[in-house]
């Protein structure tokens, strides 16, 4: 997958549809599980100062995936400039604990590279990428909470669909997202690149619009 666009990995814990509700303003958004248990999850916009720790987190995720037999990412393949562009666009979100980043996600409003001109800019969806948690520091279930948080932000924007992708060859990742309510649409290949074929998934959101 592409270093600056298709950046998704499997979160830990329960499927996202069992996770949080959101409240708060645009700069500091919070999530709590619908059951009312567990800590409040604070999500904030990424800053340029976060580039180095985010790349380190992504590289560790690549190593973790490889150790579990999932050939999706490779350490060092994402240039800092690509992530800086996403931060400048306001698309990068992070979760912190004790000053350290323990989770991150990118929510884009267009993604023509992965999804093509029609599905990548039809105005009906938000595109979820770079979904990563620190497996050593983040509590179990935080990845699923972040995924649900991203879905909620897409719905609040008035979009009715959440779209994401994962490496097509990984049965484990595909099963995870299907369990979280995503439906497989198709597989795409990236000509003239070294990136793996990607399985594209889509989820209909139950709520659209602000509030």
N, C-alpha and C. Protein backbone atom coordinates (compact mmCIF):
# COMPACT_ATOMS: atom_id res chain seq x y z
N UNK A 1 0.83 -1.20 0.00
CA UNK A 1 0.00 0.00 0.00
C UNK A 1 0.86 1.25 0.00
N UNK A 2 0.25 2.37 -0.25
CA UNK A 2 1.02 3.59 -0.41
C UNK A 2 1.49 4.14 0.93
N UNK A 3 2.65 4.80 0.97
CA UNK A 3 3.18 5.28 2.24
C UNK A 3 2.41 6.44 2.82
N UNK A 4 1.73 7.22 2.01
CA UNK A 4 1.07 8.42 2.56
C UNK A 4 -0.43 8.36 2.44
N UNK A 5 -0.99 7.27 1.94
CA UNK A 5 -2.44 7.20 1.79
C UNK A 5 -3.01 5.94 2.40
N UNK A 6 -2.59 4.78 1.97
CA UNK A 6 -3.17 3.54 2.46
C UNK A 6 -2.38 3.04 3.65
N UNK A 7 -2.77 3.43 4.84
CA UNK A 7 -1.97 3.14 6.02
C UNK A 7 -2.89 2.65 7.13
N UNK A 8 -3.29 1.39 7.08
CA UNK A 8 -4.24 0.85 8.03
C UNK A 8 -3.73 -0.45 8.61
N UNK A 9 -3.91 -0.64 9.90
CA UNK A 9 -3.56 -1.92 10.52
C UNK A 9 -4.64 -2.33 11.50
N UNK A 10 -4.56 -3.52 11.98
CA UNK A 10 -5.61 -4.04 12.86
C UNK A 10 -5.48 -3.50 14.26
N UNK A 11 -6.54 -2.88 14.81
CA UNK A 11 -6.52 -2.46 16.19
C UNK A 11 -6.69 -3.64 17.13
N UNK A 12 -6.46 -3.40 18.41
CA UNK A 12 -6.60 -4.44 19.41
C UNK A 12 -7.97 -4.37 20.04
N UNK A 13 -8.43 -5.49 20.57
CA UNK A 13 -9.61 -5.49 21.41
C UNK A 13 -10.88 -5.77 20.66
N UNK A 14 -12.02 -5.38 21.27
CA UNK A 14 -13.34 -5.69 20.74
C UNK A 14 -13.61 -4.95 19.45
N UNK A 15 -14.51 -5.48 18.60
CA UNK A 15 -14.88 -4.77 17.37
C UNK A 15 -15.38 -3.38 17.65
N UNK A 16 -15.17 -2.50 16.67
CA UNK A 16 -15.44 -1.08 16.88
C UNK A 16 -16.90 -0.79 17.16
N UNK A 17 -17.82 -1.61 16.61
CA UNK A 17 -19.23 -1.29 16.81
C UNK A 17 -19.66 -1.52 18.26
N UNK A 18 -18.80 -2.11 19.09
CA UNK A 18 -19.11 -2.29 20.50
C UNK A 18 -18.46 -1.21 21.35
N UNK A 19 -17.89 -0.20 20.73
CA UNK A 19 -17.08 0.75 21.46
C UNK A 19 -17.73 2.12 21.63
N UNK A 20 -17.04 3.29 21.42
CA UNK A 20 -17.45 4.47 22.17
C UNK A 20 -18.48 5.38 21.54
N UNK A 21 -19.03 6.25 22.39
CA UNK A 21 -19.74 7.43 21.95
C UNK A 21 -18.80 8.61 22.10
N UNK A 22 -19.08 9.69 21.37
CA UNK A 22 -18.16 10.82 21.33
C UNK A 22 -18.84 12.08 21.83
N UNK A 23 -18.02 12.98 22.37
CA UNK A 23 -18.49 14.31 22.71
C UNK A 23 -17.31 15.25 22.69
N UNK A 24 -17.58 16.56 22.65
CA UNK A 24 -16.48 17.51 22.74
C UNK A 24 -16.36 18.37 21.50
N UNK A 25 -15.38 19.27 21.51
CA UNK A 25 -15.15 20.20 20.42
C UNK A 25 -14.18 19.64 19.41
N UNK A 26 -13.82 20.47 18.43
CA UNK A 26 -13.02 19.98 17.31
C UNK A 26 -11.56 19.75 17.67
N UNK A 27 -11.05 20.39 18.71
CA UNK A 27 -9.64 20.23 19.03
C UNK A 27 -9.38 19.18 20.10
N UNK A 28 -10.37 18.89 20.93
CA UNK A 28 -10.21 17.88 21.96
C UNK A 28 -11.46 17.04 22.06
N UNK A 29 -11.52 15.93 21.34
CA UNK A 29 -12.70 15.10 21.30
C UNK A 29 -12.51 13.90 22.21
N UNK A 30 -13.60 13.42 22.77
CA UNK A 30 -13.50 12.37 23.77
C UNK A 30 -14.44 11.23 23.45
N UNK A 31 -14.07 10.03 23.89
CA UNK A 31 -14.90 8.86 23.66
C UNK A 31 -15.02 8.04 24.94
N UNK A 32 -16.19 7.49 25.17
CA UNK A 32 -16.38 6.56 26.27
C UNK A 32 -17.23 5.40 25.75
N UNK A 33 -16.97 4.19 26.23
CA UNK A 33 -17.72 3.05 25.75
C UNK A 33 -19.21 3.23 26.02
N UNK A 34 -20.05 2.67 25.15
CA UNK A 34 -21.50 2.81 25.30
C UNK A 34 -21.98 2.16 26.59
N UNK A 35 -21.23 1.22 27.09
CA UNK A 35 -21.61 0.59 28.36
C UNK A 35 -21.30 1.49 29.55
N UNK A 36 -20.58 2.60 29.29
CA UNK A 36 -20.27 3.55 30.34
C UNK A 36 -19.06 3.19 31.16
N UNK A 37 -18.36 2.12 30.80
CA UNK A 37 -17.19 1.70 31.55
C UNK A 37 -15.93 2.06 30.81
N UNK A 38 -14.80 2.03 31.51
CA UNK A 38 -13.53 2.32 30.87
C UNK A 38 -13.21 3.80 30.89
N UNK A 39 -11.95 4.13 30.70
CA UNK A 39 -11.53 5.53 30.78
C UNK A 39 -12.01 6.34 29.59
N UNK A 40 -12.16 7.64 29.80
CA UNK A 40 -12.49 8.54 28.72
C UNK A 40 -11.30 8.62 27.78
N UNK A 41 -11.56 8.49 26.49
CA UNK A 41 -10.51 8.50 25.48
C UNK A 41 -10.44 9.90 24.86
N UNK A 42 -9.32 10.59 25.05
CA UNK A 42 -9.14 11.93 24.50
C UNK A 42 -8.39 11.83 23.19
N UNK A 43 -8.98 12.38 22.14
CA UNK A 43 -8.38 12.37 20.81
C UNK A 43 -8.12 13.81 20.41
N UNK A 44 -6.91 14.10 19.95
CA UNK A 44 -6.58 15.46 19.56
C UNK A 44 -5.83 15.47 18.23
N UNK A 45 -5.85 16.61 17.58
CA UNK A 45 -5.17 16.74 16.30
C UNK A 45 -3.66 16.56 16.47
N UNK A 46 -3.07 15.86 15.52
CA UNK A 46 -1.62 15.71 15.53
C UNK A 46 -0.92 17.01 15.20
N UNK A 47 0.30 17.15 15.72
CA UNK A 47 1.11 18.34 15.48
C UNK A 47 2.38 17.94 14.74
N UNK A 48 3.05 18.92 14.15
CA UNK A 48 4.28 18.62 13.43
C UNK A 48 5.32 18.01 14.35
N UNK A 49 5.29 18.38 15.62
CA UNK A 49 6.23 17.80 16.59
C UNK A 49 5.97 16.31 16.80
N UNK A 50 4.81 15.82 16.34
CA UNK A 50 4.47 14.42 16.52
C UNK A 50 5.00 13.53 15.40
N UNK A 51 5.58 14.11 14.36
CA UNK A 51 5.98 13.31 13.21
C UNK A 51 6.94 12.19 13.58
N UNK A 52 8.01 12.51 14.31
CA UNK A 52 9.00 11.49 14.66
C UNK A 52 8.40 10.38 15.50
N UNK A 53 7.68 10.69 16.60
CA UNK A 53 7.08 9.59 17.37
C UNK A 53 6.04 8.80 16.59
N UNK A 54 5.31 9.45 15.70
CA UNK A 54 4.33 8.73 14.90
C UNK A 54 5.00 7.76 13.93
N UNK A 55 6.09 8.20 13.32
CA UNK A 55 6.82 7.30 12.42
C UNK A 55 7.43 6.14 13.19
N UNK A 56 7.92 6.41 14.41
CA UNK A 56 8.46 5.34 15.24
C UNK A 56 7.36 4.34 15.61
N UNK A 57 6.17 4.85 15.91
CA UNK A 57 5.04 3.98 16.23
C UNK A 57 4.65 3.14 15.03
N UNK A 58 4.66 3.75 13.87
CA UNK A 58 4.32 3.02 12.64
C UNK A 58 5.36 1.95 12.32
N UNK A 59 6.63 2.27 12.50
CA UNK A 59 7.67 1.29 12.25
C UNK A 59 7.57 0.10 13.21
N UNK A 60 7.23 0.38 14.48
CA UNK A 60 7.04 -0.71 15.43
C UNK A 60 5.83 -1.56 15.03
N UNK A 61 4.77 -0.91 14.56
CA UNK A 61 3.60 -1.66 14.09
C UNK A 61 3.97 -2.56 12.92
N UNK A 62 4.83 -2.05 12.03
CA UNK A 62 5.29 -2.87 10.90
C UNK A 62 6.02 -4.11 11.40
N UNK A 63 6.87 -3.94 12.41
CA UNK A 63 7.59 -5.09 12.95
C UNK A 63 6.64 -6.06 13.65
N UNK A 64 5.65 -5.52 14.37
CA UNK A 64 4.67 -6.38 15.05
C UNK A 64 3.86 -7.19 14.04
N UNK A 65 3.43 -6.53 12.95
CA UNK A 65 2.68 -7.23 11.92
C UNK A 65 3.52 -8.35 11.31
N UNK A 66 4.77 -8.04 11.02
CA UNK A 66 5.65 -9.03 10.43
C UNK A 66 5.83 -10.23 11.36
N UNK A 67 5.95 -9.96 12.67
CA UNK A 67 6.13 -11.03 13.64
C UNK A 67 4.90 -11.93 13.71
N UNK A 68 3.74 -11.38 13.34
CA UNK A 68 2.50 -12.17 13.34
C UNK A 68 2.20 -12.75 11.96
N UNK A 69 3.17 -12.65 11.06
CA UNK A 69 3.00 -13.24 9.74
C UNK A 69 2.19 -12.41 8.77
N UNK A 70 2.04 -11.10 9.05
CA UNK A 70 1.27 -10.22 8.17
C UNK A 70 2.24 -9.31 7.43
N UNK A 71 2.37 -9.52 6.15
CA UNK A 71 3.31 -8.76 5.33
C UNK A 71 2.58 -7.56 4.72
N UNK A 72 2.43 -6.51 5.51
CA UNK A 72 1.71 -5.33 5.05
C UNK A 72 2.61 -4.11 4.96
N UNK A 73 3.36 -3.84 6.00
CA UNK A 73 4.19 -2.65 6.07
C UNK A 73 5.64 -3.03 6.26
N UNK A 74 6.52 -2.07 5.97
CA UNK A 74 7.94 -2.24 6.23
C UNK A 74 8.46 -1.00 6.97
N UNK A 75 9.32 -1.18 7.96
CA UNK A 75 9.86 -0.01 8.68
C UNK A 75 10.58 0.93 7.73
N UNK A 76 10.41 2.22 7.97
CA UNK A 76 11.13 3.23 7.22
C UNK A 76 10.59 3.58 5.85
N UNK A 77 9.45 3.02 5.46
CA UNK A 77 8.98 3.26 4.10
C UNK A 77 8.15 4.53 3.95
N UNK A 78 7.79 5.17 5.06
CA UNK A 78 6.99 6.39 4.98
C UNK A 78 7.88 7.61 5.17
N UNK A 79 7.96 8.49 4.19
CA UNK A 79 8.76 9.72 4.37
C UNK A 79 8.08 10.68 5.34
N UNK A 80 8.88 11.38 6.12
CA UNK A 80 8.33 12.33 7.07
C UNK A 80 7.47 13.38 6.38
N UNK A 81 7.87 13.78 5.17
CA UNK A 81 7.14 14.83 4.45
C UNK A 81 5.69 14.42 4.16
N UNK A 82 5.48 13.12 3.90
CA UNK A 82 4.12 12.65 3.62
C UNK A 82 3.22 12.83 4.84
N UNK A 83 3.76 12.49 6.02
CA UNK A 83 2.98 12.64 7.24
C UNK A 83 2.80 14.11 7.60
N UNK A 84 3.81 14.92 7.35
CA UNK A 84 3.69 16.36 7.60
C UNK A 84 2.56 16.97 6.78
N UNK A 85 2.40 16.52 5.55
CA UNK A 85 1.32 17.03 4.69
C UNK A 85 -0.04 16.68 5.28
N UNK A 86 -0.17 15.46 5.81
CA UNK A 86 -1.43 15.06 6.41
C UNK A 86 -1.73 15.86 7.67
N UNK A 87 -0.69 16.15 8.45
CA UNK A 87 -0.88 16.96 9.66
C UNK A 87 -1.28 18.38 9.27
N UNK A 88 -0.62 18.94 8.28
CA UNK A 88 -0.97 20.29 7.82
C UNK A 88 -2.42 20.36 7.34
N UNK A 89 -2.91 19.26 6.79
CA UNK A 89 -4.29 19.21 6.29
C UNK A 89 -5.30 18.96 7.41
N UNK A 90 -4.81 18.74 8.63
CA UNK A 90 -5.71 18.49 9.75
C UNK A 90 -6.32 17.11 9.76
N UNK A 91 -5.67 16.15 9.10
CA UNK A 91 -6.24 14.81 8.96
C UNK A 91 -5.70 13.80 9.97
N UNK A 92 -4.68 14.17 10.72
CA UNK A 92 -4.04 13.24 11.65
C UNK A 92 -4.54 13.49 13.06
N UNK A 93 -4.93 12.40 13.73
CA UNK A 93 -5.43 12.48 15.10
C UNK A 93 -4.64 11.53 15.98
N UNK A 94 -4.43 11.92 17.23
CA UNK A 94 -3.62 11.09 18.14
C UNK A 94 -4.30 10.95 19.49
N UNK A 95 -3.95 9.87 20.17
CA UNK A 95 -4.33 9.64 21.56
C UNK A 95 -3.05 9.61 22.37
N UNK A 96 -3.03 10.31 23.49
CA UNK A 96 -1.83 10.38 24.33
C UNK A 96 -2.11 9.81 25.71
N UNK A 97 -1.06 9.29 26.31
CA UNK A 97 -1.12 8.85 27.71
C UNK A 97 0.23 9.18 28.34
N UNK A 98 0.20 9.97 29.38
CA UNK A 98 1.44 10.37 30.03
C UNK A 98 2.37 11.13 29.11
N UNK A 99 1.81 11.87 28.18
CA UNK A 99 2.61 12.65 27.24
C UNK A 99 3.06 11.88 26.01
N UNK A 100 2.89 10.56 26.01
CA UNK A 100 3.31 9.74 24.87
C UNK A 100 2.12 9.39 24.00
N UNK A 101 2.35 9.28 22.71
CA UNK A 101 1.30 8.88 21.78
C UNK A 101 1.08 7.38 21.89
N UNK A 102 -0.15 7.00 22.18
CA UNK A 102 -0.48 5.57 22.30
C UNK A 102 -1.39 5.08 21.19
N UNK A 103 -1.86 5.99 20.35
CA UNK A 103 -2.69 5.60 19.22
C UNK A 103 -2.82 6.73 18.24
N UNK A 104 -3.15 6.39 17.00
CA UNK A 104 -3.30 7.41 15.97
C UNK A 104 -4.20 6.91 14.86
N UNK A 105 -4.76 7.84 14.12
CA UNK A 105 -5.57 7.52 12.95
C UNK A 105 -5.58 8.73 12.02
N UNK A 106 -5.69 8.47 10.74
CA UNK A 106 -5.87 9.52 9.74
C UNK A 106 -7.28 9.37 9.16
N UNK A 107 -8.01 10.49 9.11
CA UNK A 107 -9.32 10.51 8.46
C UNK A 107 -9.24 11.49 7.29
N UNK A 108 -9.38 10.97 6.09
CA UNK A 108 -9.33 11.79 4.87
C UNK A 108 -10.73 11.91 4.28
N UNK A 109 -10.92 12.97 3.51
CA UNK A 109 -12.23 13.19 2.87
C UNK A 109 -12.20 12.89 1.38
N UNK A 110 -11.02 12.59 0.87
CA UNK A 110 -10.86 12.08 -0.49
C UNK A 110 -9.71 11.08 -0.49
N UNK A 111 -9.79 10.10 -1.38
CA UNK A 111 -8.69 9.14 -1.52
C UNK A 111 -8.78 8.50 -2.90
N UNK A 112 -8.38 9.24 -3.91
CA UNK A 112 -8.49 8.75 -5.28
C UNK A 112 -7.38 7.76 -5.63
N UNK A 113 -6.26 7.80 -4.91
CA UNK A 113 -5.17 6.87 -5.24
C UNK A 113 -5.60 5.44 -5.00
N UNK A 114 -6.18 5.19 -3.84
CA UNK A 114 -6.60 3.83 -3.50
C UNK A 114 -7.96 3.49 -4.09
N UNK A 115 -8.90 4.42 -4.01
CA UNK A 115 -10.28 4.14 -4.35
C UNK A 115 -10.68 4.54 -5.76
N UNK A 116 -9.81 5.24 -6.47
CA UNK A 116 -10.15 5.66 -7.82
C UNK A 116 -10.90 6.97 -7.82
N UNK A 117 -11.04 7.56 -8.99
CA UNK A 117 -11.66 8.88 -9.09
C UNK A 117 -13.13 8.87 -8.67
N UNK A 118 -13.85 7.81 -8.98
CA UNK A 118 -15.28 7.78 -8.67
C UNK A 118 -15.52 7.59 -7.18
N UNK A 119 -15.06 6.48 -6.62
CA UNK A 119 -15.31 6.19 -5.21
C UNK A 119 -14.43 7.01 -4.27
N UNK A 120 -13.33 7.54 -4.79
CA UNK A 120 -12.41 8.27 -3.93
C UNK A 120 -12.75 9.72 -3.71
N UNK A 121 -13.74 10.22 -4.44
CA UNK A 121 -14.11 11.64 -4.30
C UNK A 121 -15.59 11.87 -4.56
N UNK A 122 -16.42 10.89 -4.17
CA UNK A 122 -17.86 11.02 -4.46
C UNK A 122 -18.62 11.77 -3.38
N UNK A 123 -17.93 12.19 -2.31
CA UNK A 123 -18.58 12.99 -1.27
C UNK A 123 -19.45 12.20 -0.32
N UNK A 124 -19.46 10.88 -0.43
CA UNK A 124 -20.34 10.07 0.41
C UNK A 124 -19.61 9.42 1.58
N UNK A 125 -18.26 9.50 1.60
CA UNK A 125 -17.49 8.70 2.55
C UNK A 125 -16.35 9.48 3.18
N UNK A 126 -15.87 8.94 4.30
CA UNK A 126 -14.59 9.32 4.88
C UNK A 126 -13.68 8.11 4.77
N UNK A 127 -12.36 8.34 4.69
CA UNK A 127 -11.40 7.28 4.42
C UNK A 127 -10.44 7.16 5.60
N UNK A 128 -10.41 5.98 6.19
CA UNK A 128 -9.65 5.75 7.41
C UNK A 128 -8.33 5.08 7.07
N UNK A 129 -7.23 5.68 7.54
CA UNK A 129 -5.89 5.16 7.31
C UNK A 129 -5.05 5.30 8.58
N UNK A 130 -3.88 4.67 8.56
CA UNK A 130 -2.85 4.87 9.60
C UNK A 130 -3.40 4.59 11.00
N UNK A 131 -4.24 3.58 11.10
CA UNK A 131 -4.84 3.23 12.38
C UNK A 131 -3.87 2.33 13.15
N UNK A 132 -3.25 2.90 14.19
CA UNK A 132 -2.19 2.22 14.90
C UNK A 132 -2.33 2.47 16.39
N UNK A 133 -2.03 1.45 17.19
CA UNK A 133 -1.90 1.65 18.63
C UNK A 133 -0.56 1.11 19.11
N UNK A 134 -0.10 1.66 20.21
CA UNK A 134 1.12 1.16 20.85
C UNK A 134 0.74 -0.08 21.65
N UNK A 135 1.11 -1.23 21.18
CA UNK A 135 0.67 -2.48 21.79
C UNK A 135 1.21 -2.68 23.20
N UNK A 136 2.26 -1.94 23.57
CA UNK A 136 2.82 -2.07 24.91
C UNK A 136 2.18 -1.10 25.89
N UNK A 137 1.77 0.06 25.42
CA UNK A 137 1.27 1.11 26.33
C UNK A 137 -0.24 1.27 26.31
N UNK A 138 -0.87 1.04 25.17
CA UNK A 138 -2.30 1.31 25.06
C UNK A 138 -3.11 0.21 25.73
N UNK A 139 -4.14 0.58 26.48
CA UNK A 139 -5.00 -0.43 27.08
C UNK A 139 -5.69 -1.25 25.99
N UNK A 140 -6.06 -2.44 26.31
CA UNK A 140 -6.76 -3.30 25.37
C UNK A 140 -8.07 -2.64 24.93
N UNK A 141 -8.34 -2.65 23.64
CA UNK A 141 -9.58 -2.07 23.13
C UNK A 141 -9.45 -0.66 22.61
N UNK A 142 -8.31 -0.01 22.86
CA UNK A 142 -8.16 1.38 22.41
C UNK A 142 -8.19 1.48 20.89
N UNK A 143 -7.59 0.53 20.20
CA UNK A 143 -7.62 0.57 18.74
C UNK A 143 -9.03 0.53 18.21
N UNK A 144 -9.87 -0.32 18.78
CA UNK A 144 -11.26 -0.39 18.36
C UNK A 144 -12.01 0.90 18.70
N UNK A 145 -11.67 1.51 19.82
CA UNK A 145 -12.29 2.78 20.17
C UNK A 145 -11.91 3.87 19.16
N UNK A 146 -10.66 3.88 18.77
CA UNK A 146 -10.22 4.89 17.79
C UNK A 146 -10.93 4.69 16.46
N UNK A 147 -11.09 3.44 16.05
CA UNK A 147 -11.80 3.17 14.82
C UNK A 147 -13.24 3.67 14.89
N UNK A 148 -13.92 3.40 16.00
CA UNK A 148 -15.28 3.88 16.18
C UNK A 148 -15.33 5.40 16.24
N UNK A 149 -14.31 6.00 16.87
CA UNK A 149 -14.22 7.47 16.91
C UNK A 149 -14.13 8.03 15.49
N UNK A 150 -13.29 7.43 14.67
CA UNK A 150 -13.14 7.89 13.29
C UNK A 150 -14.46 7.77 12.53
N UNK A 151 -15.15 6.67 12.73
CA UNK A 151 -16.45 6.50 12.09
C UNK A 151 -17.43 7.60 12.51
N UNK A 152 -17.40 7.94 13.80
CA UNK A 152 -18.29 8.98 14.30
C UNK A 152 -17.97 10.33 13.68
N UNK A 153 -16.68 10.63 13.51
CA UNK A 153 -16.30 11.89 12.88
C UNK A 153 -16.78 11.95 11.43
N UNK A 154 -16.72 10.82 10.76
CA UNK A 154 -17.20 10.77 9.38
C UNK A 154 -18.71 11.04 9.34
N UNK A 155 -19.44 10.42 10.25
CA UNK A 155 -20.89 10.64 10.31
C UNK A 155 -21.22 12.08 10.65
N UNK A 156 -20.47 12.67 11.58
CA UNK A 156 -20.70 14.07 11.96
C UNK A 156 -20.45 15.01 10.78
N UNK A 157 -19.62 14.60 9.86
CA UNK A 157 -19.34 15.41 8.67
C UNK A 157 -20.47 15.30 7.65
N UNK A 158 -21.43 14.43 7.92
CA UNK A 158 -22.54 14.23 7.00
C UNK A 158 -22.28 13.16 5.95
N UNK A 159 -21.21 12.39 6.14
CA UNK A 159 -20.91 11.30 5.21
C UNK A 159 -21.57 10.02 5.72
N UNK A 160 -22.08 9.22 4.81
CA UNK A 160 -22.84 8.04 5.21
C UNK A 160 -22.03 6.75 5.19
N UNK A 161 -20.78 6.81 4.71
CA UNK A 161 -19.96 5.61 4.58
C UNK A 161 -18.57 5.82 5.18
N UNK A 162 -18.06 4.78 5.82
CA UNK A 162 -16.65 4.74 6.21
C UNK A 162 -15.96 3.74 5.30
N UNK A 163 -14.80 4.13 4.76
CA UNK A 163 -14.05 3.25 3.86
C UNK A 163 -12.64 3.08 4.37
N UNK A 164 -12.10 1.88 4.23
CA UNK A 164 -10.72 1.60 4.60
C UNK A 164 -10.21 0.45 3.77
N UNK A 165 -8.93 0.18 3.89
CA UNK A 165 -8.34 -0.93 3.16
C UNK A 165 -7.32 -1.64 4.04
N UNK A 166 -6.99 -2.85 3.66
CA UNK A 166 -5.91 -3.58 4.30
C UNK A 166 -5.26 -4.47 3.26
N UNK A 167 -4.13 -5.04 3.60
CA UNK A 167 -3.43 -5.90 2.65
C UNK A 167 -4.34 -7.08 2.30
N UNK A 168 -4.51 -7.33 1.01
CA UNK A 168 -5.50 -8.29 0.56
C UNK A 168 -5.20 -9.72 1.01
N UNK A 169 -3.93 -10.04 1.20
CA UNK A 169 -3.55 -11.42 1.53
C UNK A 169 -3.78 -11.79 2.99
N UNK A 170 -4.10 -10.81 3.84
CA UNK A 170 -4.22 -11.09 5.28
C UNK A 170 -5.64 -11.50 5.64
N UNK A 171 -5.84 -12.78 5.88
CA UNK A 171 -7.14 -13.26 6.33
C UNK A 171 -7.49 -12.66 7.69
N UNK A 172 -6.48 -12.50 8.53
CA UNK A 172 -6.71 -11.99 9.88
C UNK A 172 -7.24 -10.56 9.87
N UNK A 173 -6.62 -9.68 9.10
CA UNK A 173 -7.09 -8.29 9.04
C UNK A 173 -8.47 -8.21 8.39
N UNK A 174 -8.67 -8.96 7.33
CA UNK A 174 -9.95 -8.93 6.64
C UNK A 174 -11.07 -9.39 7.56
N UNK A 175 -10.81 -10.43 8.31
CA UNK A 175 -11.81 -10.94 9.24
C UNK A 175 -12.12 -9.92 10.33
N UNK A 176 -11.06 -9.22 10.79
CA UNK A 176 -11.27 -8.22 11.84
C UNK A 176 -12.25 -7.14 11.37
N UNK A 177 -12.01 -6.60 10.19
CA UNK A 177 -12.87 -5.52 9.73
C UNK A 177 -14.26 -6.00 9.37
N UNK A 178 -14.38 -7.23 8.89
CA UNK A 178 -15.72 -7.78 8.64
C UNK A 178 -16.48 -7.92 9.96
N UNK A 179 -15.80 -8.34 11.02
CA UNK A 179 -16.43 -8.44 12.33
C UNK A 179 -16.86 -7.07 12.85
N UNK A 180 -16.11 -6.04 12.47
CA UNK A 180 -16.42 -4.66 12.89
C UNK A 180 -17.51 -4.02 12.02
N UNK A 181 -18.09 -4.79 11.11
CA UNK A 181 -19.21 -4.28 10.32
C UNK A 181 -18.88 -3.82 8.93
N UNK A 182 -17.64 -4.05 8.47
CA UNK A 182 -17.24 -3.63 7.13
C UNK A 182 -17.51 -4.74 6.12
N UNK A 183 -17.85 -4.33 4.92
CA UNK A 183 -18.14 -5.27 3.84
C UNK A 183 -17.08 -5.16 2.75
N UNK A 184 -16.55 -6.30 2.36
CA UNK A 184 -15.55 -6.32 1.30
C UNK A 184 -16.17 -5.92 -0.03
N UNK A 185 -15.48 -5.03 -0.76
CA UNK A 185 -15.97 -4.58 -2.06
C UNK A 185 -15.15 -5.16 -3.21
N UNK A 186 -13.84 -4.98 -3.15
CA UNK A 186 -13.00 -5.46 -4.25
C UNK A 186 -11.54 -5.36 -3.83
N UNK A 187 -10.69 -5.93 -4.67
CA UNK A 187 -9.24 -5.84 -4.48
C UNK A 187 -8.65 -4.95 -5.56
N UNK A 188 -7.69 -4.11 -5.17
CA UNK A 188 -7.02 -3.25 -6.13
C UNK A 188 -5.52 -3.52 -6.09
N UNK A 189 -4.89 -3.34 -7.23
CA UNK A 189 -3.45 -3.45 -7.33
C UNK A 189 -2.89 -2.09 -7.74
N UNK A 190 -1.63 -1.86 -7.38
CA UNK A 190 -1.01 -0.56 -7.62
C UNK A 190 0.10 -0.74 -8.64
N UNK A 191 -0.19 -0.36 -9.87
CA UNK A 191 0.78 -0.53 -10.96
C UNK A 191 2.02 0.32 -10.71
N UNK A 192 3.17 -0.23 -11.09
CA UNK A 192 4.44 0.48 -11.02
C UNK A 192 4.81 0.87 -9.59
N UNK A 193 4.36 0.11 -8.62
CA UNK A 193 4.77 0.32 -7.22
C UNK A 193 5.14 -1.03 -6.63
N UNK A 194 5.71 -1.00 -5.44
CA UNK A 194 6.04 -2.24 -4.73
C UNK A 194 4.98 -2.58 -3.69
N UNK A 195 3.87 -1.82 -3.67
CA UNK A 195 2.87 -2.01 -2.62
C UNK A 195 1.99 -3.21 -2.92
N UNK A 196 1.60 -3.87 -1.86
CA UNK A 196 0.79 -5.07 -1.97
C UNK A 196 -0.62 -4.73 -2.47
N UNK A 197 -1.28 -5.68 -3.14
CA UNK A 197 -2.70 -5.49 -3.45
C UNK A 197 -3.50 -5.23 -2.17
N UNK A 198 -4.50 -4.39 -2.26
CA UNK A 198 -5.29 -4.00 -1.09
C UNK A 198 -6.73 -4.45 -1.25
N UNK A 199 -7.30 -4.93 -0.16
CA UNK A 199 -8.73 -5.25 -0.10
C UNK A 199 -9.46 -4.01 0.39
N UNK A 200 -10.47 -3.58 -0.35
CA UNK A 200 -11.22 -2.38 -0.01
C UNK A 200 -12.49 -2.76 0.74
N UNK A 201 -12.74 -2.05 1.84
CA UNK A 201 -13.89 -2.32 2.68
C UNK A 201 -14.71 -1.05 2.89
N UNK A 202 -16.00 -1.24 3.10
CA UNK A 202 -16.92 -0.12 3.28
C UNK A 202 -17.92 -0.47 4.37
N UNK A 203 -18.30 0.54 5.15
CA UNK A 203 -19.28 0.35 6.21
C UNK A 203 -20.32 1.46 6.15
N UNK A 204 -21.59 1.09 6.15
CA UNK A 204 -22.66 2.09 6.20
C UNK A 204 -22.80 2.57 7.64
N UNK A 205 -22.82 3.87 7.82
CA UNK A 205 -22.92 4.46 9.15
C UNK A 205 -24.37 4.71 9.49
N UNK A 206 -24.71 4.48 10.75
CA UNK A 206 -26.11 4.57 11.14
C UNK A 206 -26.58 5.99 11.38
N UNK A 207 -25.61 6.91 11.55
CA UNK A 207 -25.98 8.30 11.79
C UNK A 207 -25.17 9.18 10.88
N UNK A 208 -25.80 10.15 10.27
CA UNK A 208 -25.08 11.11 9.45
C UNK A 208 -25.53 12.52 9.84
N UNK A 209 -24.60 13.44 9.87
CA UNK A 209 -24.92 14.82 10.22
C UNK A 209 -24.42 15.18 11.59
N UNK A 210 -24.33 16.48 11.90
CA UNK A 210 -23.79 16.94 13.16
C UNK A 210 -24.70 16.63 14.33
N UNK A 211 -24.09 16.62 15.54
CA UNK A 211 -24.86 16.46 16.76
C UNK A 211 -25.05 15.02 17.16
